[in-house]
């Protein structure tokens, strides 16, 4: 059996606090509750990337990592610029930001969505699609080369949803 390498796409799963960009086409997945994933796509170069952050602002807890939207979004923009993207060629999609029972009025999901919109607007990047808010979790698959996204909503996120490839990779 032969495989057509032209249609073979690499797959990656992002856990919270991580981001991904690559000059090759890839499918990137994430599981989102209150977290937000910003997907960026370069219309000209047909490349893209995605981040997955948990909290809106690093000053909120005093640590500047990709767990925070105000760090993760500029970092993703910078990674794509280093690969040759121009900001005017980038377009964004935002996913996640749901509200959890027991969030105790913190509205973390809503704050994550707001910071994403604010930073993208500040950088002049158009948001072409959003699937945000609500009370359901999301499983997201994003294709960096085509800017296509598949969102599956779920009533309950299970532990295994966060690391769907762990068992396969660990089994040798």
N, C-alpha and C. Protein backbone atom coordinates (compact mmCIF):
# COMPACT_ATOMS: atom_id res chain seq x y z
N UNK A 1 0.85 -1.18 0.00
CA UNK A 1 0.00 0.00 0.00
C UNK A 1 0.89 1.24 0.00
N UNK A 2 0.60 2.18 -0.87
CA UNK A 2 1.37 3.41 -0.93
C UNK A 2 0.60 4.53 -0.26
N UNK A 3 1.35 5.48 0.23
CA UNK A 3 0.70 6.65 0.81
C UNK A 3 1.05 7.87 -0.02
N UNK A 4 0.13 8.76 -0.14
CA UNK A 4 0.33 10.00 -0.88
C UNK A 4 0.82 11.06 0.09
N UNK A 5 2.11 11.34 0.10
CA UNK A 5 2.69 12.30 1.04
C UNK A 5 2.12 13.70 0.86
N UNK A 6 1.59 13.99 -0.33
CA UNK A 6 1.04 15.32 -0.57
C UNK A 6 -0.19 15.58 0.30
N UNK A 7 -0.91 14.52 0.69
CA UNK A 7 -2.10 14.71 1.51
C UNK A 7 -1.86 14.30 2.96
N UNK A 8 -0.68 13.78 3.25
CA UNK A 8 -0.37 13.41 4.63
C UNK A 8 -0.18 14.68 5.45
N UNK A 9 -0.84 14.72 6.58
CA UNK A 9 -0.79 15.89 7.43
C UNK A 9 -0.32 15.45 8.82
N UNK A 10 0.58 16.21 9.41
CA UNK A 10 1.05 15.91 10.75
C UNK A 10 0.00 16.32 11.77
N UNK A 11 -0.08 15.58 12.88
CA UNK A 11 -1.08 15.85 13.91
C UNK A 11 -0.40 16.16 15.24
N UNK A 12 -0.94 17.18 15.91
CA UNK A 12 -0.42 17.60 17.20
C UNK A 12 -1.59 17.87 18.13
N UNK A 13 -1.40 17.61 19.41
CA UNK A 13 -2.41 17.91 20.42
C UNK A 13 -1.82 18.92 21.40
N UNK A 14 -2.51 20.05 21.55
CA UNK A 14 -2.03 21.10 22.46
C UNK A 14 -2.71 20.99 23.81
N UNK A 15 -1.90 20.98 24.82
CA UNK A 15 -2.40 21.06 26.18
C UNK A 15 -2.32 22.52 26.62
N UNK A 16 -3.00 22.89 27.71
CA UNK A 16 -2.98 24.28 28.15
C UNK A 16 -1.56 24.79 28.39
N UNK A 17 -1.33 26.03 27.96
CA UNK A 17 -0.03 26.66 28.13
C UNK A 17 0.93 26.42 26.99
N UNK A 18 0.44 25.82 25.91
CA UNK A 18 1.31 25.54 24.76
C UNK A 18 0.80 26.25 23.51
N UNK A 19 1.71 26.39 22.56
CA UNK A 19 1.33 26.92 21.25
C UNK A 19 2.07 26.15 20.18
N UNK A 20 1.55 26.23 18.95
CA UNK A 20 2.09 25.46 17.85
C UNK A 20 2.07 26.31 16.59
N UNK A 21 3.16 26.28 15.84
CA UNK A 21 3.20 26.84 14.49
C UNK A 21 4.19 26.01 13.70
N UNK A 22 3.97 25.95 12.40
CA UNK A 22 4.80 25.08 11.57
C UNK A 22 4.68 25.54 10.12
N UNK A 23 5.79 25.51 9.35
CA UNK A 23 5.69 25.89 7.95
C UNK A 23 5.00 24.83 7.09
N UNK A 24 4.80 23.63 7.65
CA UNK A 24 4.08 22.56 6.94
C UNK A 24 2.63 22.54 7.38
N UNK A 25 1.78 21.91 6.58
CA UNK A 25 0.39 21.77 6.97
C UNK A 25 0.30 20.80 8.14
N UNK A 26 -0.57 21.11 9.07
CA UNK A 26 -0.75 20.25 10.24
C UNK A 26 -2.18 20.37 10.74
N UNK A 27 -2.60 19.33 11.44
CA UNK A 27 -3.87 19.36 12.15
C UNK A 27 -3.53 19.43 13.63
N UNK A 28 -4.07 20.45 14.29
CA UNK A 28 -3.78 20.68 15.70
C UNK A 28 -5.09 20.55 16.46
N UNK A 29 -5.05 19.82 17.57
CA UNK A 29 -6.26 19.64 18.36
C UNK A 29 -6.07 20.18 19.77
N UNK A 30 -7.18 20.44 20.42
CA UNK A 30 -7.18 20.88 21.81
C UNK A 30 -8.55 20.57 22.41
N UNK A 31 -8.58 20.47 23.72
CA UNK A 31 -9.83 20.32 24.45
C UNK A 31 -9.98 21.57 25.30
N UNK A 32 -11.13 22.23 25.18
CA UNK A 32 -11.33 23.54 25.79
C UNK A 32 -12.55 23.56 26.70
N UNK A 33 -12.37 24.15 27.86
CA UNK A 33 -13.48 24.46 28.77
C UNK A 33 -13.51 25.97 28.87
N UNK A 34 -12.96 26.51 29.97
CA UNK A 34 -12.82 27.97 30.09
C UNK A 34 -11.62 28.47 29.29
N UNK A 35 -10.72 27.56 28.94
CA UNK A 35 -9.55 27.93 28.14
C UNK A 35 -9.98 28.44 26.76
N UNK A 36 -9.09 29.17 26.12
CA UNK A 36 -9.32 29.68 24.78
C UNK A 36 -8.18 29.23 23.87
N UNK A 37 -8.54 28.91 22.64
CA UNK A 37 -7.56 28.66 21.59
C UNK A 37 -7.75 29.73 20.52
N UNK A 38 -6.66 30.40 20.18
CA UNK A 38 -6.66 31.34 19.06
C UNK A 38 -5.92 30.65 17.92
N UNK A 39 -6.60 30.54 16.79
CA UNK A 39 -6.01 29.95 15.60
C UNK A 39 -5.70 31.07 14.62
N UNK A 40 -4.46 31.13 14.16
CA UNK A 40 -4.06 32.14 13.17
C UNK A 40 -3.71 31.44 11.87
N UNK A 41 -4.08 32.08 10.77
CA UNK A 41 -3.82 31.53 9.43
C UNK A 41 -3.32 32.66 8.54
N UNK A 42 -2.27 32.37 7.79
CA UNK A 42 -1.73 33.31 6.81
C UNK A 42 -2.32 32.95 5.45
N UNK A 43 -3.18 33.83 4.92
CA UNK A 43 -3.85 33.59 3.65
C UNK A 43 -2.87 33.48 2.48
N UNK A 44 -1.78 34.21 2.55
CA UNK A 44 -0.81 34.25 1.46
C UNK A 44 0.10 33.01 1.47
N UNK A 45 0.66 32.69 2.62
CA UNK A 45 1.61 31.58 2.72
C UNK A 45 0.95 30.23 2.98
N UNK A 46 -0.33 30.24 3.34
CA UNK A 46 -1.06 29.01 3.67
C UNK A 46 -0.42 28.25 4.83
N UNK A 47 -0.04 29.00 5.86
CA UNK A 47 0.50 28.42 7.08
C UNK A 47 -0.31 28.95 8.26
N UNK A 48 -0.11 28.35 9.40
CA UNK A 48 -0.86 28.82 10.56
C UNK A 48 -0.33 28.26 11.84
N UNK A 49 -1.06 28.58 12.90
CA UNK A 49 -0.69 28.11 14.22
C UNK A 49 -1.84 28.28 15.18
N UNK A 50 -1.63 27.75 16.38
CA UNK A 50 -2.69 27.79 17.38
C UNK A 50 -2.05 27.86 18.77
N UNK A 51 -2.71 28.55 19.68
CA UNK A 51 -2.31 28.53 21.08
C UNK A 51 -3.46 27.99 21.92
N UNK A 52 -3.18 27.74 23.18
CA UNK A 52 -4.18 27.20 24.10
C UNK A 52 -3.85 27.77 25.48
N UNK A 53 -4.60 28.79 25.90
CA UNK A 53 -4.28 29.44 27.17
C UNK A 53 -5.42 29.34 28.17
N UNK A 54 -5.05 29.43 29.46
CA UNK A 54 -5.99 29.22 30.56
C UNK A 54 -6.51 30.49 31.21
N UNK A 55 -5.68 31.54 31.23
CA UNK A 55 -6.00 32.75 31.97
C UNK A 55 -5.77 33.97 31.08
N UNK A 56 -6.48 35.07 31.34
CA UNK A 56 -6.36 36.24 30.47
C UNK A 56 -5.04 36.98 30.57
N UNK A 57 -4.63 37.37 31.77
CA UNK A 57 -3.46 38.25 31.91
C UNK A 57 -2.42 37.68 32.86
N UNK A 58 -1.18 37.79 32.43
CA UNK A 58 -0.08 37.29 33.26
C UNK A 58 0.05 38.07 34.56
N UNK A 59 -0.29 39.34 34.55
CA UNK A 59 -0.20 40.14 35.77
C UNK A 59 -1.21 39.67 36.81
N UNK A 60 -2.20 38.91 36.34
CA UNK A 60 -3.22 38.36 37.23
C UNK A 60 -2.57 37.51 38.32
N UNK A 61 -1.54 36.74 37.95
CA UNK A 61 -0.82 35.90 38.91
C UNK A 61 0.66 36.23 38.97
N UNK A 62 1.14 37.14 38.12
CA UNK A 62 2.52 37.59 38.16
C UNK A 62 3.54 36.75 37.41
N UNK A 63 3.11 35.78 36.61
CA UNK A 63 4.04 34.93 35.87
C UNK A 63 3.73 35.05 34.38
N UNK A 64 4.73 35.35 33.57
CA UNK A 64 4.53 35.54 32.13
C UNK A 64 4.87 34.26 31.38
N UNK A 65 3.85 33.40 31.16
CA UNK A 65 4.01 32.17 30.39
C UNK A 65 2.89 32.07 29.37
N UNK A 66 2.95 31.07 28.52
CA UNK A 66 1.91 30.86 27.52
C UNK A 66 0.61 30.35 28.12
N UNK A 67 0.53 30.23 29.43
CA UNK A 67 -0.74 29.93 30.09
C UNK A 67 -1.67 31.14 30.05
N UNK A 68 -1.13 32.30 29.70
CA UNK A 68 -1.86 33.56 29.73
C UNK A 68 -2.03 34.13 28.33
N UNK A 69 -3.25 34.59 28.04
CA UNK A 69 -3.56 35.12 26.72
C UNK A 69 -2.70 36.29 26.31
N UNK A 70 -2.38 37.18 27.26
CA UNK A 70 -1.58 38.36 26.91
C UNK A 70 -0.13 38.00 26.59
N UNK A 71 0.27 36.77 26.83
CA UNK A 71 1.59 36.28 26.45
C UNK A 71 1.47 35.36 25.22
N UNK A 72 0.51 34.44 25.26
CA UNK A 72 0.37 33.41 24.22
C UNK A 72 0.00 33.97 22.85
N UNK A 73 -0.86 34.97 22.81
CA UNK A 73 -1.29 35.51 21.51
C UNK A 73 -0.16 36.27 20.82
N UNK A 74 0.50 37.22 21.50
CA UNK A 74 1.65 37.88 20.86
C UNK A 74 2.76 36.89 20.48
N UNK A 75 2.96 35.85 21.30
CA UNK A 75 4.00 34.86 20.99
C UNK A 75 3.66 34.11 19.71
N UNK A 76 2.40 33.77 19.51
CA UNK A 76 1.98 33.08 18.29
C UNK A 76 2.13 33.99 17.08
N UNK A 77 1.74 35.25 17.22
CA UNK A 77 1.90 36.21 16.12
C UNK A 77 3.38 36.32 15.75
N UNK A 78 4.23 36.41 16.75
CA UNK A 78 5.67 36.53 16.52
C UNK A 78 6.24 35.29 15.82
N UNK A 79 5.79 34.10 16.23
CA UNK A 79 6.26 32.86 15.60
C UNK A 79 5.91 32.85 14.11
N UNK A 80 4.70 33.27 13.77
CA UNK A 80 4.30 33.30 12.36
C UNK A 80 5.06 34.37 11.59
N UNK A 81 5.32 35.49 12.21
CA UNK A 81 6.11 36.54 11.55
C UNK A 81 7.52 36.04 11.25
N UNK A 82 8.10 35.27 12.17
CA UNK A 82 9.44 34.71 11.94
C UNK A 82 9.45 33.72 10.77
N UNK A 83 8.29 33.16 10.46
CA UNK A 83 8.19 32.24 9.31
C UNK A 83 7.85 32.98 8.03
N UNK A 84 7.78 34.31 8.09
CA UNK A 84 7.55 35.10 6.89
C UNK A 84 6.17 35.72 6.76
N UNK A 85 5.30 35.51 7.71
CA UNK A 85 3.96 36.09 7.65
C UNK A 85 4.00 37.59 7.87
N UNK A 86 3.11 38.28 7.18
CA UNK A 86 2.87 39.70 7.43
C UNK A 86 1.56 39.79 8.18
N UNK A 87 1.49 40.67 9.15
CA UNK A 87 0.29 40.79 9.98
C UNK A 87 -0.95 41.01 9.12
N UNK A 88 -0.83 41.78 8.05
CA UNK A 88 -2.00 42.06 7.20
C UNK A 88 -2.52 40.82 6.48
N UNK A 89 -1.73 39.75 6.42
CA UNK A 89 -2.16 38.50 5.78
C UNK A 89 -2.76 37.52 6.78
N UNK A 90 -2.72 37.84 8.07
CA UNK A 90 -3.22 36.93 9.09
C UNK A 90 -4.70 37.14 9.35
N UNK A 91 -5.39 36.03 9.59
CA UNK A 91 -6.77 36.07 10.06
C UNK A 91 -6.89 35.10 11.22
N UNK A 92 -7.85 35.38 12.10
CA UNK A 92 -7.96 34.63 13.35
C UNK A 92 -9.32 33.97 13.52
N UNK A 93 -9.29 32.89 14.28
CA UNK A 93 -10.51 32.25 14.78
C UNK A 93 -10.30 32.06 16.29
N UNK A 94 -11.38 32.22 17.05
CA UNK A 94 -11.32 32.09 18.50
C UNK A 94 -12.31 31.01 18.94
N UNK A 95 -11.83 30.11 19.82
CA UNK A 95 -12.66 29.02 20.29
C UNK A 95 -12.52 28.87 21.80
N UNK A 96 -13.59 28.41 22.45
CA UNK A 96 -13.55 28.12 23.88
C UNK A 96 -14.17 29.20 24.72
N UNK A 97 -13.63 29.40 25.91
CA UNK A 97 -14.12 30.45 26.80
C UNK A 97 -15.46 30.14 27.42
N UNK A 98 -15.76 28.87 27.60
CA UNK A 98 -17.00 28.49 28.26
C UNK A 98 -16.95 28.79 29.74
N UNK A 99 -18.10 28.80 30.36
CA UNK A 99 -18.18 29.04 31.80
C UNK A 99 -18.44 27.73 32.51
N UNK A 100 -17.68 27.49 33.54
CA UNK A 100 -17.83 26.27 34.34
C UNK A 100 -18.72 26.52 35.54
N UNK A 101 -19.46 25.49 35.92
CA UNK A 101 -20.19 25.55 37.19
C UNK A 101 -19.13 25.57 38.27
N UNK A 102 -19.26 26.43 39.21
CA UNK A 102 -18.28 26.52 40.29
C UNK A 102 -17.16 27.52 40.00
N UNK A 103 -17.28 28.26 38.88
CA UNK A 103 -16.27 29.29 38.56
C UNK A 103 -16.37 30.45 39.56
N UNK A 104 -17.39 30.42 40.40
CA UNK A 104 -17.60 31.36 41.49
C UNK A 104 -17.54 32.83 41.06
N UNK A 105 -18.17 33.12 39.94
CA UNK A 105 -18.26 34.50 39.50
C UNK A 105 -16.99 35.06 38.89
N UNK A 106 -15.96 34.23 38.72
CA UNK A 106 -14.70 34.73 38.16
C UNK A 106 -14.82 35.03 36.67
N UNK A 107 -15.73 34.35 35.99
CA UNK A 107 -15.95 34.53 34.56
C UNK A 107 -14.64 34.40 33.76
N UNK A 108 -13.85 33.41 34.10
CA UNK A 108 -12.55 33.20 33.46
C UNK A 108 -12.69 33.04 31.95
N UNK A 109 -13.66 32.24 31.51
CA UNK A 109 -13.85 32.02 30.07
C UNK A 109 -14.14 33.31 29.33
N UNK A 110 -15.05 34.12 29.86
CA UNK A 110 -15.39 35.40 29.24
C UNK A 110 -14.18 36.33 29.19
N UNK A 111 -13.41 36.36 30.27
CA UNK A 111 -12.21 37.21 30.30
C UNK A 111 -11.17 36.73 29.28
N UNK A 112 -11.05 35.42 29.11
CA UNK A 112 -10.13 34.89 28.10
C UNK A 112 -10.53 35.31 26.69
N UNK A 113 -11.82 35.26 26.40
CA UNK A 113 -12.31 35.67 25.08
C UNK A 113 -12.07 37.17 24.87
N UNK A 114 -12.35 37.97 25.88
CA UNK A 114 -12.16 39.42 25.77
C UNK A 114 -10.71 39.79 25.50
N UNK A 115 -9.77 39.14 26.20
CA UNK A 115 -8.36 39.48 25.98
C UNK A 115 -7.94 39.07 24.57
N UNK A 116 -8.45 37.95 24.07
CA UNK A 116 -8.12 37.52 22.71
C UNK A 116 -8.60 38.55 21.70
N UNK A 117 -9.84 38.97 21.83
CA UNK A 117 -10.38 39.97 20.90
C UNK A 117 -9.57 41.27 20.96
N UNK A 118 -9.25 41.70 22.17
CA UNK A 118 -8.52 42.96 22.36
C UNK A 118 -7.14 42.92 21.70
N UNK A 119 -6.39 41.86 21.94
CA UNK A 119 -5.03 41.77 21.39
C UNK A 119 -5.05 41.62 19.88
N UNK A 120 -5.98 40.84 19.36
CA UNK A 120 -6.07 40.68 17.90
C UNK A 120 -6.44 42.02 17.25
N UNK A 121 -7.38 42.73 17.83
CA UNK A 121 -7.76 44.04 17.30
C UNK A 121 -6.58 45.01 17.34
N UNK A 122 -5.88 45.04 18.46
CA UNK A 122 -4.72 45.92 18.62
C UNK A 122 -3.66 45.65 17.56
N UNK A 123 -3.52 44.39 17.15
CA UNK A 123 -2.53 44.01 16.14
C UNK A 123 -3.07 44.07 14.71
N UNK A 124 -4.33 44.49 14.55
CA UNK A 124 -4.91 44.62 13.22
C UNK A 124 -5.22 43.30 12.55
N UNK A 125 -5.49 42.26 13.33
CA UNK A 125 -5.80 40.94 12.78
C UNK A 125 -7.31 40.72 12.83
N UNK A 126 -7.89 40.43 11.68
CA UNK A 126 -9.33 40.22 11.55
C UNK A 126 -9.73 38.88 12.14
N UNK A 127 -10.80 38.90 12.92
CA UNK A 127 -11.39 37.67 13.44
C UNK A 127 -12.45 37.23 12.44
N UNK A 128 -12.24 36.08 11.81
CA UNK A 128 -13.17 35.62 10.78
C UNK A 128 -14.20 34.64 11.32
N UNK A 129 -13.96 34.10 12.52
CA UNK A 129 -14.88 33.12 13.08
C UNK A 129 -14.67 33.00 14.58
N UNK A 130 -15.75 32.72 15.30
CA UNK A 130 -15.70 32.48 16.73
C UNK A 130 -16.70 31.40 17.10
N UNK A 131 -16.35 30.59 18.05
CA UNK A 131 -17.29 29.69 18.72
C UNK A 131 -16.89 29.73 20.19
N UNK A 132 -17.52 30.64 20.93
CA UNK A 132 -17.09 30.94 22.30
C UNK A 132 -18.28 30.97 23.25
N UNK A 133 -17.96 30.88 24.55
CA UNK A 133 -18.96 31.00 25.59
C UNK A 133 -19.79 29.74 25.79
N UNK A 134 -20.86 29.89 26.49
CA UNK A 134 -21.75 28.77 26.76
C UNK A 134 -21.27 27.91 27.90
N UNK A 135 -21.93 26.79 28.08
CA UNK A 135 -21.62 25.93 29.22
C UNK A 135 -21.05 24.57 28.80
N UNK A 136 -20.84 24.35 27.51
CA UNK A 136 -20.31 23.07 27.05
C UNK A 136 -18.82 23.16 26.76
N UNK A 137 -18.15 22.04 26.95
CA UNK A 137 -16.76 21.95 26.56
C UNK A 137 -16.65 21.76 25.05
N UNK A 138 -15.46 21.95 24.53
CA UNK A 138 -15.24 21.82 23.10
C UNK A 138 -14.01 20.98 22.82
N UNK A 139 -14.11 20.16 21.80
CA UNK A 139 -12.96 19.49 21.23
C UNK A 139 -12.75 20.16 19.89
N UNK A 140 -11.55 20.66 19.68
CA UNK A 140 -11.24 21.45 18.49
C UNK A 140 -10.16 20.76 17.66
N UNK A 141 -10.36 20.76 16.36
CA UNK A 141 -9.33 20.33 15.42
C UNK A 141 -9.18 21.44 14.39
N UNK A 142 -7.96 21.94 14.22
CA UNK A 142 -7.67 23.06 13.32
C UNK A 142 -6.64 22.62 12.29
N UNK A 143 -6.92 22.93 11.02
CA UNK A 143 -5.99 22.63 9.92
C UNK A 143 -5.25 23.92 9.58
N UNK A 144 -3.93 23.94 9.82
CA UNK A 144 -3.16 25.17 9.66
C UNK A 144 -3.06 25.64 8.21
N UNK A 145 -3.11 24.73 7.26
CA UNK A 145 -2.95 25.10 5.85
C UNK A 145 -4.20 25.64 5.20
N UNK A 146 -5.38 25.21 5.67
CA UNK A 146 -6.63 25.60 5.03
C UNK A 146 -7.48 26.55 5.88
N UNK A 147 -7.12 26.71 7.15
CA UNK A 147 -7.88 27.53 8.10
C UNK A 147 -9.25 26.92 8.41
N UNK A 148 -9.39 25.63 8.22
CA UNK A 148 -10.64 24.94 8.55
C UNK A 148 -10.57 24.45 10.00
N UNK A 149 -11.70 24.56 10.68
CA UNK A 149 -11.77 24.11 12.06
C UNK A 149 -13.01 23.26 12.26
N UNK A 150 -12.86 22.23 13.06
CA UNK A 150 -13.96 21.37 13.44
C UNK A 150 -14.12 21.48 14.95
N UNK A 151 -15.33 21.81 15.38
CA UNK A 151 -15.61 21.95 16.81
C UNK A 151 -16.68 20.93 17.18
N UNK A 152 -16.36 20.13 18.19
CA UNK A 152 -17.33 19.17 18.72
C UNK A 152 -17.62 19.58 20.14
N UNK A 153 -18.88 19.83 20.43
CA UNK A 153 -19.26 20.26 21.78
C UNK A 153 -19.66 19.04 22.61
N UNK A 154 -19.36 19.13 23.90
CA UNK A 154 -19.64 18.02 24.79
C UNK A 154 -20.17 18.54 26.12
N UNK A 155 -21.04 17.77 26.73
CA UNK A 155 -21.59 18.15 28.03
C UNK A 155 -20.55 18.01 29.13
N UNK A 156 -19.67 17.02 28.97
CA UNK A 156 -18.70 16.74 30.02
C UNK A 156 -17.36 16.41 29.38
N UNK A 157 -16.32 17.05 29.85
CA UNK A 157 -14.97 16.75 29.38
C UNK A 157 -14.38 15.72 30.34
N UNK A 158 -13.95 14.61 29.76
CA UNK A 158 -13.36 13.54 30.55
C UNK A 158 -11.84 13.67 30.56
N UNK A 159 -11.23 13.09 31.56
CA UNK A 159 -9.78 13.16 31.71
C UNK A 159 -9.05 12.72 30.44
N UNK A 160 -9.50 11.65 29.83
CA UNK A 160 -8.87 11.13 28.62
C UNK A 160 -8.98 12.04 27.41
N UNK A 161 -9.94 12.96 27.43
CA UNK A 161 -10.09 13.89 26.31
C UNK A 161 -8.90 14.83 26.18
N UNK A 162 -8.24 15.10 27.29
CA UNK A 162 -7.13 16.05 27.26
C UNK A 162 -5.89 15.49 26.59
N UNK A 163 -5.70 14.19 26.64
CA UNK A 163 -4.50 13.58 26.08
C UNK A 163 -4.90 12.38 25.21
N UNK A 164 -5.55 12.64 24.07
CA UNK A 164 -6.07 11.52 23.29
C UNK A 164 -4.99 10.63 22.67
N UNK A 165 -3.76 11.09 22.60
CA UNK A 165 -2.72 10.30 21.94
C UNK A 165 -1.80 9.61 22.94
N UNK A 166 -1.98 9.84 24.23
CA UNK A 166 -1.08 9.28 25.25
C UNK A 166 -1.03 7.76 25.16
N UNK A 167 -2.17 7.12 25.13
CA UNK A 167 -2.21 5.67 25.13
C UNK A 167 -1.56 5.10 23.87
N UNK A 168 -1.85 5.69 22.73
CA UNK A 168 -1.29 5.22 21.47
C UNK A 168 0.22 5.38 21.45
N UNK A 169 0.72 6.51 21.91
CA UNK A 169 2.16 6.75 21.91
C UNK A 169 2.86 5.86 22.92
N UNK A 170 2.24 5.64 24.07
CA UNK A 170 2.86 4.84 25.11
C UNK A 170 2.87 3.35 24.83
N UNK A 171 2.03 2.90 23.90
CA UNK A 171 1.94 1.47 23.65
C UNK A 171 3.02 0.95 22.71
N UNK A 172 3.89 1.82 22.24
CA UNK A 172 5.08 1.42 21.50
C UNK A 172 4.90 1.13 20.09
